Amino acid sequence: MSGREVVLGRIRRALRDVPRSETPDDVPVPREYARAHVPSGAGAAGALAGLLAKNLADYRAVVHRTGADGLPPLLCRLLAARGSATVLVPSGLPPHWLEAAAPFRVHDRAAATARELDSVDSVVTGCAVAIAETGTIVLDGGPGQGRRRITLIPDHHICVVRAPEQVVASVPEALERLDPARPLTWISGPSATSDIELDRVEGVHGPRTLEVVLVGETVPGG
């Protein structure tokens, strides 16, 4: 008999005298918790983008703001400032995003090894949704985002967020937009961990540098 069977047997014996509900799925579950702690909706779009930028910066992500026309030259400048000779491009990334960029484009391939991905200087992706209250970017492997490992292995990740349409106030609002069956990656700043003395180390299990570009006319300048 396995250890699992032993534990389950003990649980069954302990519960044998407990009455069982015949309709457990009919028990109402109160869901009166606050869905968001900041205003949401069209009128609050600028405030949400500003809160997202602030919380991303608190996590040591580098935040940039631009309009749609300014995205290609901005990405070009960011890659040049990084000294990137190669940039990983996921399938479905809008071609015009990198039309001004000089680095050699490495296309995402299922056959690429971890060593090959580690040799790439930068990766540019979009996202599925961004959460203002937590400063979190969520990727779901959709067009322009690629597979999870392409944003976990390269040392430099540039993520483009369209504001206001991809920015929500809270985690509950984000979950409504996401498909739980997809490979979800939740990113709050660059990769970081701390030991028992709270010494922070970045880049242990992901990119050491995360740059987030907020694109949209409603994004406040600065």
Protein backbone atom coordinates (compact mmCIF):
# COMPACT_ATOMS: atom_id res chain seq x y z
CA MET A 1 0.00 0.00 0.00
CA SER A 2 1.37 3.38 -1.02
CA GLY A 3 1.76 6.34 1.34
CA ARG A 4 -1.00 8.14 -0.56
CA GLU A 5 -3.45 5.29 0.05
CA VAL A 6 -2.56 5.22 3.74
CA VAL A 7 -3.25 8.96 4.13
CA LEU A 8 -6.52 8.83 2.18
CA GLY A 9 -7.64 5.82 4.22
CA ARG A 10 -7.07 7.70 7.46
CA ILE A 11 -9.04 10.68 6.14
CA ARG A 12 -11.97 8.45 5.14
CA ARG A 13 -12.02 6.80 8.57
CA ALA A 14 -11.91 10.17 10.33
CA LEU A 15 -14.84 11.44 8.26
CA ARG A 16 -17.03 8.34 8.29
CA ASP A 17 -19.43 9.79 10.90
CA VAL A 18 -19.66 13.24 9.26
CA PRO A 19 -22.96 13.80 7.39
CA ARG A 20 -22.42 14.40 3.68
CA SER A 21 -24.28 17.06 1.72
CA GLU A 22 -26.13 15.58 -1.21
CA THR A 23 -25.93 18.81 -3.18
CA PRO A 24 -22.54 20.39 -2.37
CA ASP A 25 -22.51 22.34 -5.63
CA ASP A 26 -25.70 24.15 -4.61
CA VAL A 27 -24.14 25.74 -1.53
CA PRO A 28 -23.97 29.49 -2.20
CA VAL A 29 -20.48 31.02 -1.99
CA PRO A 30 -20.46 34.69 -0.96
CA ARG A 31 -18.41 36.81 -3.35
CA GLU A 32 -18.79 40.22 -1.78
CA TYR A 33 -15.10 41.06 -1.79
CA ALA A 34 -13.89 44.25 -3.47
CA ARG A 35 -13.04 43.60 -7.11
CA ALA A 36 -10.75 46.63 -7.35
CA HIS A 37 -9.42 49.32 -5.05
CA VAL A 38 -9.06 52.05 -7.67
CA PRO A 39 -11.59 53.42 -10.17
CA SER A 40 -11.77 51.56 -13.48
CA GLY A 41 -13.46 52.21 -16.81
CA ALA A 42 -12.91 54.58 -19.71
CA GLY A 43 -12.76 57.70 -17.55
CA ALA A 44 -10.01 56.28 -15.36
CA ALA A 45 -7.81 54.99 -18.18
CA GLY A 46 -5.09 57.60 -17.70
CA ALA A 47 -5.00 57.07 -13.94
CA LEU A 48 -4.74 53.29 -14.35
CA ALA A 49 -1.84 53.62 -16.76
CA GLY A 50 -0.10 55.96 -14.36
CA LEU A 51 -0.62 53.56 -11.45
CA LEU A 52 0.67 50.67 -13.55
CA ALA A 53 3.80 52.66 -14.41
CA LYS A 54 4.39 53.56 -10.76
CA ASN A 55 4.02 49.99 -9.52
CA LEU A 56 6.20 48.60 -12.31
CA ALA A 57 8.90 51.09 -11.34
CA ASP A 58 8.58 50.01 -7.70
CA TYR A 59 9.48 46.50 -8.89
CA ARG A 60 12.55 47.96 -10.65
CA ALA A 61 11.17 47.61 -14.14
CA VAL A 62 12.12 50.44 -16.51
CA VAL A 63 8.99 52.12 -17.88
CA HIS A 64 8.74 54.09 -21.13
CA ARG A 65 5.73 55.92 -22.58
CA THR A 66 5.03 56.70 -26.19
CA GLY A 67 2.33 57.04 -28.79
CA ALA A 68 1.78 54.43 -31.50
CA ASP A 69 3.91 56.32 -34.04
CA GLY A 70 6.77 56.58 -31.60
CA LEU A 71 6.99 52.86 -30.82
CA PRO A 72 9.34 51.73 -33.65
CA PRO A 73 11.97 54.45 -33.04
CA LEU A 74 11.73 53.92 -29.27
CA LEU A 75 12.34 50.18 -29.58
CA CYS A 76 15.26 50.94 -31.87
CA ARG A 77 16.77 53.28 -29.25
CA LEU A 78 16.25 50.82 -26.40
CA LEU A 79 17.95 47.97 -28.26
CA ALA A 80 20.81 50.24 -29.33
CA ALA A 81 21.30 51.50 -25.77
CA ARG A 82 21.49 47.91 -24.62
CA GLY A 83 24.03 47.09 -27.32
CA SER A 84 21.87 44.25 -28.57
CA ALA A 85 23.16 42.55 -31.71
CA THR A 86 20.33 39.99 -31.75
CA VAL A 87 16.66 40.25 -30.80
CA LEU A 88 14.28 37.32 -30.37
CA VAL A 89 11.02 37.82 -32.25
CA PRO A 90 7.96 35.71 -31.33
CA SER A 91 5.49 34.67 -33.99
CA GLY A 92 2.77 37.24 -34.54
CA LEU A 93 4.76 40.26 -33.37
CA PRO A 94 3.61 43.24 -35.51
CA PRO A 95 6.41 43.67 -38.10
CA HIS A 96 6.37 47.47 -37.92
CA TRP A 97 7.39 47.41 -34.24
CA LEU A 98 10.96 46.55 -35.22
CA GLU A 99 11.08 48.17 -38.65
CA ALA A 100 13.60 50.75 -37.39
CA ALA A 101 15.70 48.31 -35.36
CA ALA A 102 19.16 47.25 -36.49
CA PRO A 103 19.73 43.99 -34.50
CA PHE A 104 19.53 40.66 -36.28
CA ARG A 105 16.12 39.07 -35.75
CA VAL A 106 16.07 35.57 -34.26
CA HIS A 107 12.69 33.92 -34.80
CA ASP A 108 11.18 31.82 -32.05
CA ARG A 109 11.52 28.10 -32.88
CA ALA A 110 10.24 25.15 -30.89
CA ALA A 111 13.53 23.38 -31.58
CA ALA A 112 15.65 26.18 -30.06
CA THR A 113 17.68 25.01 -27.08
CA ALA A 114 18.07 26.83 -23.79
CA ARG A 115 21.68 27.56 -24.72
CA GLU A 116 20.59 29.15 -28.00
CA LEU A 117 18.00 31.30 -26.25
CA ASP A 118 20.53 32.33 -23.63
CA SER A 119 22.82 33.64 -26.38
CA VAL A 120 20.16 36.10 -27.60
CA ASP A 121 20.72 39.66 -26.37
CA SER A 122 17.08 40.80 -26.11
CA VAL A 123 13.50 39.67 -26.62
CA VAL A 124 10.57 41.90 -27.58
CA THR A 125 6.99 40.78 -26.89
CA GLY A 126 3.48 42.05 -26.43
CA CYS A 127 1.25 40.95 -23.55
CA ALA A 128 -2.27 39.69 -22.84
CA VAL A 129 -3.15 42.09 -20.03
CA ALA A 130 -1.50 44.39 -17.47
CA ILE A 131 -2.71 44.89 -13.87
CA ALA A 132 -2.37 48.41 -12.47
CA GLU A 133 -2.85 47.62 -8.77
CA THR A 134 -0.07 45.04 -8.67
CA GLY A 135 2.25 46.26 -11.42
CA THR A 136 1.94 42.90 -13.16
CA ILE A 137 2.23 41.99 -16.85
CA VAL A 138 0.53 38.74 -17.93
CA LEU A 139 1.51 36.79 -21.04
CA ASP A 140 -0.60 33.90 -22.33
CA GLY A 141 1.43 32.66 -25.30
CA GLY A 142 -0.81 34.46 -27.81
CA PRO A 143 0.36 36.19 -31.01
CA GLY A 144 3.34 38.42 -30.39
CA GLN A 145 4.11 36.80 -27.03
CA GLY A 146 5.65 33.45 -27.89
CA ARG A 147 6.34 30.51 -25.63
CA ARG A 148 7.00 30.99 -21.92
CA ARG A 149 10.69 30.16 -22.07
CA ILE A 150 11.58 32.95 -24.50
CA THR A 151 10.81 35.48 -21.75
CA LEU A 152 12.52 33.49 -19.00
CA ILE A 153 15.93 32.76 -20.54
CA PRO A 154 17.17 35.90 -22.38
CA ASP A 155 18.64 38.51 -20.02
CA HIS A 156 16.71 41.50 -21.43
CA HIS A 157 12.96 41.61 -22.03
CA ILE A 158 11.08 44.51 -23.62
CA CYS A 159 7.31 44.14 -23.21
CA VAL A 160 4.85 46.39 -25.06
CA VAL A 161 1.53 47.18 -23.37
CA ARG A 162 -1.28 48.94 -25.24
CA ALA A 163 -2.98 51.47 -22.98
CA PRO A 164 -5.77 51.73 -22.13
CA GLU A 165 -7.20 48.60 -23.79
CA GLN A 166 -4.81 46.12 -22.16
CA VAL A 167 -4.69 47.76 -18.71
CA VAL A 168 -7.11 46.69 -15.96
CA ALA A 169 -7.35 47.75 -12.35
CA SER A 170 -7.17 44.45 -10.48
CA VAL A 171 -6.40 40.74 -10.55
CA PRO A 172 -10.12 39.76 -10.63
CA GLU A 173 -10.62 41.96 -13.70
CA ALA A 174 -7.56 40.41 -15.35
CA LEU A 175 -8.78 36.87 -14.68
CA GLU A 176 -12.00 37.62 -16.57
CA ARG A 177 -9.91 38.28 -19.69
CA LEU A 178 -7.62 35.27 -19.38
CA ASP A 179 -8.14 31.67 -20.45
CA PRO A 180 -6.95 29.39 -17.60
CA ALA A 181 -6.17 26.67 -20.13
CA ARG A 182 -3.44 28.82 -21.72
CA PRO A 183 0.19 28.96 -20.47
CA LEU A 184 0.04 32.06 -18.27
CA THR A 185 3.19 33.90 -17.20
CA TRP A 186 2.77 36.59 -14.54
CA ILE A 187 5.60 39.13 -14.46
CA SER A 188 6.09 41.75 -11.77
CA GLY A 189 9.44 43.39 -12.51
CA PRO A 190 12.70 41.66 -13.46
CA SER A 191 13.58 38.27 -12.05
CA ALA A 192 14.57 38.63 -8.39
CA THR A 193 14.96 36.59 -5.25
CA SER A 194 16.14 37.23 -1.69
CA ASP A 195 17.91 35.06 0.85
CA ILE A 196 17.08 34.89 4.57
CA GLU A 197 18.96 38.17 5.12
CA LEU A 198 16.87 39.85 2.39
CA ASP A 199 19.83 40.37 0.07
CA ARG A 200 18.20 40.85 -3.33
CA VAL A 201 19.69 39.03 -6.32
CA GLU A 202 18.35 39.63 -9.82
CA GLY A 203 18.48 37.35 -12.85
CA VAL A 204 18.49 33.99 -11.06
CA HIS A 205 15.47 32.58 -12.90
CA GLY A 206 14.65 35.13 -15.61
CA PRO A 207 15.71 38.41 -17.21
CA ARG A 208 17.71 40.82 -15.08
CA THR A 209 16.29 43.76 -17.02
CA LEU A 210 12.60 44.28 -17.80
CA GLU A 211 11.60 47.31 -19.86
CA VAL A 212 7.89 48.01 -20.31
CA VAL A 213 6.66 50.31 -23.07
CA LEU A 214 3.20 51.79 -22.50
CA VAL A 215 1.75 52.74 -25.87
CA GLY A 216 -1.29 54.99 -26.18
CA GLU A 217 -2.46 58.56 -26.34
CA THR A 218 -4.00 58.31 -22.86
CA VAL A 219 -0.68 57.40 -21.22
CA PRO A 220 0.60 60.44 -19.31
CA GLY A 221 3.94 61.76 -20.40
CA GLY A 222 7.01 61.96 -18.23
